[in-house]
Protein backbone atom coordinates (compact mmCIF):
# COMPACT_ATOMS: atom_id res chain seq x y z
CA MET A 1 6.81 -4.32 23.44
CA ARG A 2 3.05 -5.07 22.00
CA VAL A 3 0.66 -2.44 21.41
CA ASP A 4 -1.72 -1.77 24.40
CA LYS A 5 -5.51 -2.96 23.40
CA PRO A 6 -8.10 -0.32 23.22
CA ARG A 7 -11.31 0.19 24.55
CA TYR A 8 -14.18 -2.25 22.84
CA TYR A 9 -11.33 -4.52 21.52
CA ARG A 10 -12.12 -8.28 21.84
CA VAL A 11 -10.31 -11.41 20.92
CA ARG A 12 -12.30 -14.14 20.19
CA ARG A 13 -11.44 -18.20 21.26
CA ASN A 14 -9.86 -18.67 17.87
CA GLY A 15 -7.32 -15.68 18.13
CA ARG A 16 -9.13 -13.50 16.08
CA ALA A 17 -9.62 -9.95 16.90
CA PHE A 18 -12.63 -7.45 16.58
CA PHE A 19 -13.53 -3.85 17.10
CA GLU A 20 -17.36 -4.21 19.20
CA LEU A 21 -19.20 -1.17 19.40
CA GLY A 22 -22.26 -2.88 20.06
CA SER A 23 -25.55 -0.72 19.94
CA ARG A 24 -23.00 2.22 20.57
CA ALA A 25 -22.43 2.55 16.43
CA LEU A 26 -25.84 2.85 15.33
CA ALA A 27 -26.24 6.42 16.64
CA VAL A 28 -22.66 7.38 14.56
CA GLY A 29 -23.45 5.25 11.47
CA MET A 30 -20.40 2.56 12.40
CA LYS A 31 -20.69 -1.17 12.28
CA PRO A 32 -21.43 -2.98 15.71
CA SER A 33 -18.27 -5.52 15.08
CA VAL A 34 -15.64 -5.05 12.96
CA PRO A 35 -13.17 -8.06 11.67
CA LEU A 36 -9.86 -7.27 12.43
CA GLY A 37 -7.56 -10.40 11.63
CA PRO A 38 -5.43 -12.13 14.08
CA ASP A 39 -4.47 -10.33 17.27
CA THR A 40 -1.46 -8.71 16.15
CA ASP A 41 0.26 -4.99 16.68
CA ASP A 42 -1.51 -4.28 13.37
CA ALA A 43 -4.99 -5.27 14.48
CA ARG A 44 -4.51 -3.19 17.86
CA LEU A 45 -3.22 -0.39 15.86
CA ALA A 46 -6.63 -0.57 13.48
CA GLY A 47 -8.80 -0.75 16.31
CA TRP A 48 -7.26 2.42 17.88
CA ARG A 49 -8.09 4.05 15.00
CA LEU A 50 -11.43 3.02 15.16
CA TYR A 51 -12.26 3.68 18.60
CA HIS A 52 -10.49 7.41 18.29
CA GLU A 53 -12.95 7.59 15.34
CA TRP A 54 -15.92 6.86 17.17
CA LYS A 55 -15.07 8.85 20.05
CA ILE A 56 -15.13 11.86 17.68
CA ALA A 57 -17.99 10.72 15.69
CA SER A 58 -19.94 10.50 18.66
CA GLY A 59 -18.61 14.12 20.13
CA ARG A 60 -17.43 12.27 23.03
CA ALA A 61 -14.12 14.25 21.99
CA GLU A 62 -12.18 16.57 19.64
CA PRO A 63 -9.96 15.28 16.92
CA THR A 64 -7.38 16.12 18.94
CA ALA A 65 -8.48 15.13 22.36
CA LYS A 66 -6.27 12.26 22.74
CA GLU A 67 -3.16 14.02 22.14
CA THR A 68 -4.14 16.57 25.24
CA LYS A 69 -4.55 13.72 27.55
CA TYR A 70 -0.39 13.48 27.19
CA PRO A 71 1.24 15.27 30.38
CA ARG A 72 2.94 18.23 30.07
CA GLY A 73 6.50 17.30 28.94
CA ALA A 74 5.46 14.04 27.05
CA LEU A 75 6.39 13.49 23.47
CA GLY A 76 2.47 13.28 22.74
CA HIS A 77 2.14 16.60 24.51
CA PHE A 78 5.03 18.28 22.61
CA PHE A 79 3.27 16.60 19.23
CA SER A 80 0.10 18.23 19.90
CA GLN A 81 1.48 21.59 20.29
CA LEU A 82 3.64 21.05 17.18
CA ARG A 83 0.21 20.51 15.15
CA LEU A 84 -0.80 24.08 16.48
CA THR A 85 2.50 26.23 14.51
CA LYS A 86 2.58 27.55 11.55
CA ALA A 87 5.29 25.26 10.09
CA TRP A 88 2.90 22.20 10.35
CA ALA A 89 0.55 24.19 8.73
CA LYS A 90 2.48 24.50 6.05
CA LYS A 91 3.17 20.62 5.35
CA ALA A 92 1.65 18.82 2.68
CA VAL A 93 -1.47 17.05 3.61
CA THR A 94 0.11 13.82 2.34
CA THR A 95 3.18 14.82 4.75
CA ARG A 96 1.01 15.31 7.62
CA ASP A 97 -0.98 12.28 7.00
CA GLU A 98 2.28 10.15 7.36
CA TRP A 99 2.94 11.56 10.59
CA GLU A 100 -0.18 11.03 11.93
CA ASP A 101 0.07 7.33 10.52
CA CYS A 102 3.35 6.69 11.89
CA TRP A 103 2.21 8.23 15.24
CA ASN A 104 -0.09 5.29 15.90
CA TYR A 105 3.28 3.35 15.77
CA ILE A 106 5.05 5.76 17.86
CA SER A 107 2.55 6.54 20.72
CA PRO A 108 2.02 3.36 22.48
CA ALA A 109 5.99 3.41 23.64
CA PHE A 110 6.73 6.81 23.92
CA GLY A 111 3.48 9.24 23.75
CA ALA A 112 3.38 9.56 27.56
CA ARG A 113 6.82 9.27 28.10
CA ARG A 114 8.79 12.70 29.06
CA ILE A 115 11.09 13.36 26.07
CA ASN A 116 14.01 13.97 27.79
CA SER A 117 13.53 10.63 29.65
CA ILE A 118 13.85 8.58 26.33
CA SER A 119 17.25 7.13 25.80
CA PRO A 120 19.16 6.33 22.82
CA ALA A 121 18.85 2.36 23.84
CA GLU A 122 15.23 2.53 24.34
CA VAL A 123 14.66 4.20 20.65
CA ALA A 124 17.17 1.31 19.44
CA GLU A 125 15.04 -1.38 20.99
CA PHE A 126 11.78 -0.26 19.62
CA GLN A 127 13.43 0.39 16.01
CA ASP A 128 14.26 -3.43 16.45
CA THR A 129 10.50 -4.32 17.46
CA ILE A 130 8.79 -2.31 14.79
CA GLU A 131 11.00 -4.11 12.26
CA GLU A 132 10.25 -7.35 13.77
CA ALA A 133 6.61 -6.64 13.90
CA HIS A 134 5.89 -5.12 10.81
CA GLY A 135 8.89 -5.18 8.50
CA GLU A 136 11.91 -2.82 7.29
CA TYR A 137 9.51 -0.55 5.20
CA VAL A 138 7.57 0.14 8.15
CA ARG A 139 10.44 0.57 10.53
CA TRP A 140 11.98 2.82 7.85
CA ARG A 141 9.07 5.22 7.86
CA VAL A 142 8.36 4.85 11.56
CA ILE A 143 11.93 5.69 12.37
CA LYS A 144 12.17 8.68 10.32
CA ILE A 145 9.30 10.26 11.24
CA LEU A 146 10.40 9.47 15.05
CA ARG A 147 13.34 11.18 14.35
CA ALA A 148 12.41 14.27 13.07
CA LEU A 149 9.99 14.45 16.07
CA PHE A 150 12.76 14.69 18.12
CA ASN A 151 14.80 17.16 15.47
CA ALA A 152 11.74 19.12 16.18
CA ALA A 153 11.94 18.83 19.67
CA VAL A 154 15.60 20.21 19.73
CA HIS A 155 14.71 23.04 17.18
CA HIS A 156 12.39 24.39 20.15
CA HIS A 157 14.80 24.13 22.59
CA VAL A 158 12.15 21.16 24.61
CA ILE A 159 15.65 18.79 24.42
CA PRO A 160 19.36 19.53 24.06
CA ALA A 161 19.98 16.71 22.07
CA THR A 162 18.10 13.77 20.10
CA PRO A 163 18.25 10.59 21.32
CA ALA A 164 18.03 8.96 17.88
CA LYS A 165 21.14 10.75 16.39
CA ALA A 166 22.97 7.30 16.66
CA VAL A 167 20.29 5.18 15.59
CA THR A 168 20.62 4.31 11.64
CA ASN A 169 17.54 4.16 9.34
CA PRO A 170 18.65 2.77 6.25
CA GLN A 171 16.29 2.88 3.57
CA PRO A 172 14.97 -0.57 2.52
CA LYS A 173 15.88 -1.71 -0.73
CA GLY A 174 13.66 -1.04 -3.93
CA ARG A 175 10.71 -2.94 -3.99
CA ARG A 176 10.25 -5.34 -6.76
CA GLU A 177 6.64 -6.94 -5.99
CA ILE A 178 4.14 -6.83 -8.97
CA TRP A 179 0.56 -7.98 -9.49
CA ARG A 180 -0.61 -10.02 -12.59
CA ALA A 181 -4.02 -9.24 -14.27
CA ALA A 182 -5.53 -12.41 -13.16
CA GLU A 183 -4.79 -11.64 -9.37
CA ILE A 184 -6.06 -8.11 -9.88
CA ALA A 185 -9.37 -9.27 -11.04
CA LYS A 186 -9.25 -11.97 -7.76
CA LEU A 187 -8.64 -8.57 -5.84
CA ILE A 188 -11.48 -6.73 -7.01
CA ASP A 189 -13.57 -9.73 -6.87
CA ALA A 190 -12.58 -10.06 -3.07
CA ALA A 191 -12.92 -6.77 -2.35
CA ASP A 192 -16.50 -6.82 -3.45
CA LYS A 193 -17.25 -9.77 -1.81
CA ILE A 194 -16.34 -8.88 1.80
CA GLY A 195 -18.48 -5.30 1.10
CA LYS A 196 -15.51 -3.18 0.29
CA PRO A 197 -17.09 -1.55 -3.30
CA ALA A 198 -14.88 1.57 -3.18
CA MET A 199 -11.79 -0.49 -2.62
CA ALA A 200 -12.63 -2.92 -5.43
CA LEU A 201 -13.37 0.78 -7.59
CA ALA A 202 -10.06 1.70 -6.66
CA ILE A 203 -7.99 -1.19 -7.30
CA ARG A 204 -9.85 -0.97 -10.63
CA ILE A 205 -9.01 2.14 -11.19
CA ALA A 206 -5.28 1.98 -10.32
CA TRP A 207 -4.96 -0.96 -12.67
CA GLU A 208 -5.87 1.39 -15.93
CA THR A 209 -4.32 4.94 -15.05
CA ALA A 210 -1.18 3.41 -12.83
CA LEU A 211 -1.82 6.54 -10.62
CA ALA A 212 -0.50 6.54 -7.15
CA PRO A 213 -2.16 5.60 -4.22
CA VAL A 214 -2.84 9.08 -2.85
CA ASP A 215 -4.18 10.04 -6.45
CA VAL A 216 -6.44 7.31 -6.55
CA ARG A 217 -8.09 8.36 -3.00
CA LYS A 218 -8.23 11.99 -4.13
CA LEU A 219 -9.96 11.47 -7.46
CA SER A 220 -13.02 13.74 -7.93
CA PRO A 221 -15.88 13.99 -10.25
CA ALA A 222 -14.65 17.04 -11.92
CA MET A 223 -11.12 15.50 -12.72
CA LEU A 224 -13.20 12.73 -14.61
CA ARG A 225 -13.71 14.17 -18.83
CA SER A 226 -15.05 12.60 -21.89
CA ASP A 227 -15.18 13.06 -25.58
CA ALA A 228 -16.89 11.22 -28.19
CA SER A 229 -13.67 8.92 -28.45
CA GLY A 230 -13.94 7.55 -24.41
CA ALA A 231 -13.16 9.21 -20.92
CA TRP A 232 -10.04 10.15 -18.95
CA PHE A 233 -8.83 11.56 -15.73
CA GLU A 234 -6.87 14.86 -15.83
CA THR A 235 -5.75 15.58 -12.20
CA GLN A 236 -2.00 16.30 -10.79
CA ARG A 237 0.48 13.97 -8.80
CA SER A 238 -0.08 14.85 -5.09
CA LYS A 239 3.93 14.29 -4.55
CA THR A 240 5.21 16.52 -7.57
CA SER A 241 2.53 18.33 -8.95
CA ALA A 242 3.05 17.08 -12.70
CA VAL A 243 -0.01 17.31 -14.57
CA VAL A 244 -1.40 13.68 -14.99
CA VAL A 245 -4.10 12.61 -18.41
CA SER A 246 -5.09 8.97 -17.59
CA ALA A 247 -7.47 7.44 -20.17
CA ILE A 248 -10.00 5.01 -18.80
CA SER A 249 -12.43 2.48 -20.70
CA ASP A 250 -15.74 2.69 -21.55
CA GLY A 251 -16.66 0.03 -18.83
CA LEU A 252 -14.74 1.94 -15.90
CA LYS A 253 -16.59 5.09 -16.69
CA GLY A 254 -19.67 3.33 -16.34
CA GLU A 255 -18.56 1.36 -12.83
CA ILE A 256 -17.76 4.65 -11.57
CA ALA A 257 -21.32 6.53 -12.57
CA ALA A 258 -23.12 3.15 -11.07
CA TYR A 259 -20.76 2.98 -7.82
CA VAL A 260 -21.64 7.08 -6.91
CA GLN A 261 -25.38 6.31 -7.74
CA THR A 262 -25.28 4.11 -4.77
CA LEU A 263 -23.51 6.44 -2.22
CA GLY A 264 -26.85 7.80 -0.86
CA VAL A 265 -24.92 11.10 -0.64
CA ALA A 266 -24.50 13.78 -2.76
CA VAL A 267 -20.60 13.78 -4.16
CA LEU A 268 -19.76 17.74 -4.87
CA PRO A 269 -17.63 18.05 -8.17
CA ASP A 270 -14.27 18.94 -6.31
CA GLN A 271 -14.60 16.13 -3.64
CA PRO A 272 -13.30 12.67 -3.96
CA PHE A 273 -16.02 10.22 -4.46
CA LEU A 274 -14.35 6.85 -3.37
CA ARG A 275 -15.83 6.94 0.10
CA THR A 276 -15.41 4.14 2.93
CA SER A 277 -18.44 1.29 3.69
CA ARG A 278 -18.25 2.33 7.41
CA ASP A 279 -19.37 5.75 7.16
CA ALA A 280 -19.20 7.24 3.73
CA HIS A 281 -16.87 9.63 4.26
CA GLU A 282 -13.87 9.77 1.92
CA TYR A 283 -10.54 7.53 2.16
CA ARG A 284 -7.69 8.90 4.54
CA LYS A 285 -4.80 7.03 4.27
CA ALA A 286 -4.89 4.48 7.23
CA ARG A 287 -8.54 3.26 6.53
CA PHE A 288 -7.81 2.83 2.54
CA ILE A 289 -4.54 0.75 3.86
CA GLU A 290 -6.97 -1.50 6.27
CA ASP A 291 -9.53 -1.97 3.71
CA PHE A 292 -6.86 -3.24 1.14
CA ALA A 293 -5.61 -5.35 3.58
CA GLN A 294 -8.73 -7.07 4.13
CA ALA A 295 -9.27 -7.37 0.54
CA ARG A 296 -5.76 -9.04 0.02
CA ALA A 297 -6.30 -11.50 2.93
CA ALA A 298 -9.80 -12.29 1.36
CA ALA A 299 -7.90 -13.02 -1.85
CA PHE A 300 -4.94 -14.78 -1.11
CA GLY A 301 -4.47 -15.17 2.74
CA GLU A 302 -2.73 -13.68 5.79
CA GLU A 303 0.95 -14.54 4.24
CA GLU A 304 0.19 -12.17 1.10
CA LYS A 305 2.28 -8.88 1.84
CA ARG A 306 2.09 -6.95 -1.82
CA ARG A 307 0.62 -3.62 -1.31
CA PHE A 308 -1.52 -1.47 -3.29
CA GLN A 309 1.25 0.71 -4.39
CA ASP A 310 3.09 -2.09 -6.32
CA ILE A 311 0.26 -2.04 -8.82
CA ARG A 312 1.77 0.79 -10.38
CA ARG A 313 5.04 -1.01 -10.74
CA SER A 314 3.00 -3.61 -12.26
CA ALA A 315 1.61 -1.13 -15.14
CA ASN A 316 4.90 -0.31 -15.74
CA ILE A 317 6.49 -3.41 -16.15
CA GLU A 318 3.54 -4.24 -18.82
CA ALA A 319 4.05 -1.11 -20.62
CA GLU A 320 7.64 -1.94 -21.00
CA LEU A 321 7.23 -5.59 -21.91
CA GLY A 322 4.84 -3.85 -24.71
CA ASP A 323 7.46 -1.76 -26.10
CA ALA A 324 6.67 1.65 -24.37
CA THR A 325 9.64 3.56 -24.19
CA PRO A 326 11.20 5.12 -21.15
CA GLU A 327 9.92 8.63 -22.10
CA GLU A 328 6.14 7.01 -22.69
CA ARG A 329 6.26 5.24 -19.19
CA ALA A 330 7.68 8.72 -17.38
CA ALA A 331 4.57 10.23 -18.96
CA MET A 332 2.30 7.56 -17.91
CA LEU A 333 3.71 7.48 -14.12
CA ALA A 334 4.27 11.44 -14.04
CA ASN A 335 8.14 10.74 -12.99
CA ARG A 336 11.21 11.03 -14.38
CA LEU A 337 11.92 7.64 -14.87
CA ASP A 338 13.13 8.45 -18.21
CA LYS A 339 16.22 10.27 -17.00
CA ASP A 340 16.66 8.87 -13.22
CA ALA A 341 18.44 5.35 -13.82
CA ALA A 342 17.49 4.66 -9.70
CA LEU A 343 13.80 5.38 -10.15
CA ASP A 344 14.12 3.32 -13.22
CA ALA A 345 15.24 0.38 -11.16
CA VAL A 346 12.19 1.27 -8.43
CA TYR A 347 9.48 1.02 -11.10
CA THR A 348 11.16 -1.42 -13.90
CA PRO A 349 12.84 -4.20 -11.78
CA ALA A 350 14.18 -7.31 -13.62
CA THR A 351 12.00 -10.07 -14.47
CA VAL A 352 11.72 -13.41 -16.25
CA GLU A 353 9.67 -11.93 -19.05
CA ARG A 354 11.90 -9.77 -19.80
CA SER A 355 14.74 -11.87 -20.21
CA ARG A 356 12.73 -14.35 -22.36
CA LYS A 357 11.86 -11.49 -24.56
CA MET A 358 15.58 -10.41 -24.82
CA ALA A 359 16.14 -14.60 -25.73
CA ASP A 360 13.76 -14.33 -28.44
CA LYS A 361 15.28 -11.00 -29.76
CA ARG A 362 18.79 -12.90 -29.86
CA LEU A 363 17.10 -15.87 -31.85
CA ILE A 364 16.33 -13.31 -34.52
CA GLY A 365 19.86 -11.84 -34.37
CA ARG A 366 20.97 -15.49 -34.43
CA ARG A 367 19.16 -16.49 -37.39
CA LEU A 368 20.61 -13.12 -39.06
CA LEU A 369 24.23 -14.41 -38.49
CA ALA A 370 23.65 -17.46 -39.62
CA VAL A 371 22.82 -16.51 -43.34
CA GLN A 372 25.74 -14.13 -43.97
CA SER A 373 28.37 -15.07 -45.83
CA VAL A 374 31.11 -13.54 -44.26
CA ASN A 375 33.30 -15.89 -42.29
CA THR A 376 34.64 -14.72 -38.45
CA SER A 377 37.59 -13.33 -40.26
CA GLY A 378 36.03 -10.99 -42.39
CA GLU A 379 37.09 -12.67 -45.46
CA SER A 380 34.95 -13.58 -48.34
CA ARG A 381 34.38 -17.21 -48.64
CA ASN A 382 34.82 -16.97 -52.22
């Protein structure tokens, strides 16, 4: 079950996909041709996002026009109606973004299907297809949202029972992946070389501050403070609303100022300053992920699967190996790592560096024991 190709999606003879608007792109400030990598479902989903973005920018559709095309009774029609409710409006922006992102995976399979015609077997097959194509983490996110969508349909008396009830959706094991400092430098250089200066700056900010991806995306000029000793960001975590204070280097402060000057548009104090290279709009989640994936592929090839959010774990590992206390690391991450063993395991997985450090500490203890004048029975040798 493959994702359909959107209009203007082209596949070259070498199997590489492109979204090609040609001269149509010039009027809306988009690129005539955007490389999407190998012709995979991810590339096709990226093409769909660019297609809908072009339709909205060109005035050919409203932002919700793609949903209104679904027939009444279809899952897509129900989702478009759900977006108009007060309950939807009360959801956090990050939650709404997650639903929209997952809908890009759900829509090609079930968007035009009548809700009451979708069977549990089809949901199970869809789950397997998503995991095979995108991995267990994407599967977990997409099925979580699909189940929530079916539950909402039950709540609104659209269907009597959810077809996803019997489909288990185990949460993936905690990630362990980290980035090394030299690899971060390579990522930043690659992002610059492929024309993604905002992504290069985002990676640099995340590396210095250990902020979550969503918080990096939403940084604004008003959050940047400075005094005689240096600069820092003062913000709140989107997920927990915890206050975060993150010092940055003078070099990074200068890079941010230089980047904002190159934008060619005024950035208000409370507006995000990281802007996409295609249209100078602030980063949304899907575009942010796409740009990072392109920088990652340029630096390490298509097989590399580490993510932007792994930078945060990397910062914590560095701090832990540098003898930062759990309380200090929890303050850096603005979470409860110091009080939650499960959370600590996510952010501080076992590493060979920690094992080697422990070996060094044992060696110190071994030397201390060796100079003791008491034998193993506890009696004096005299």
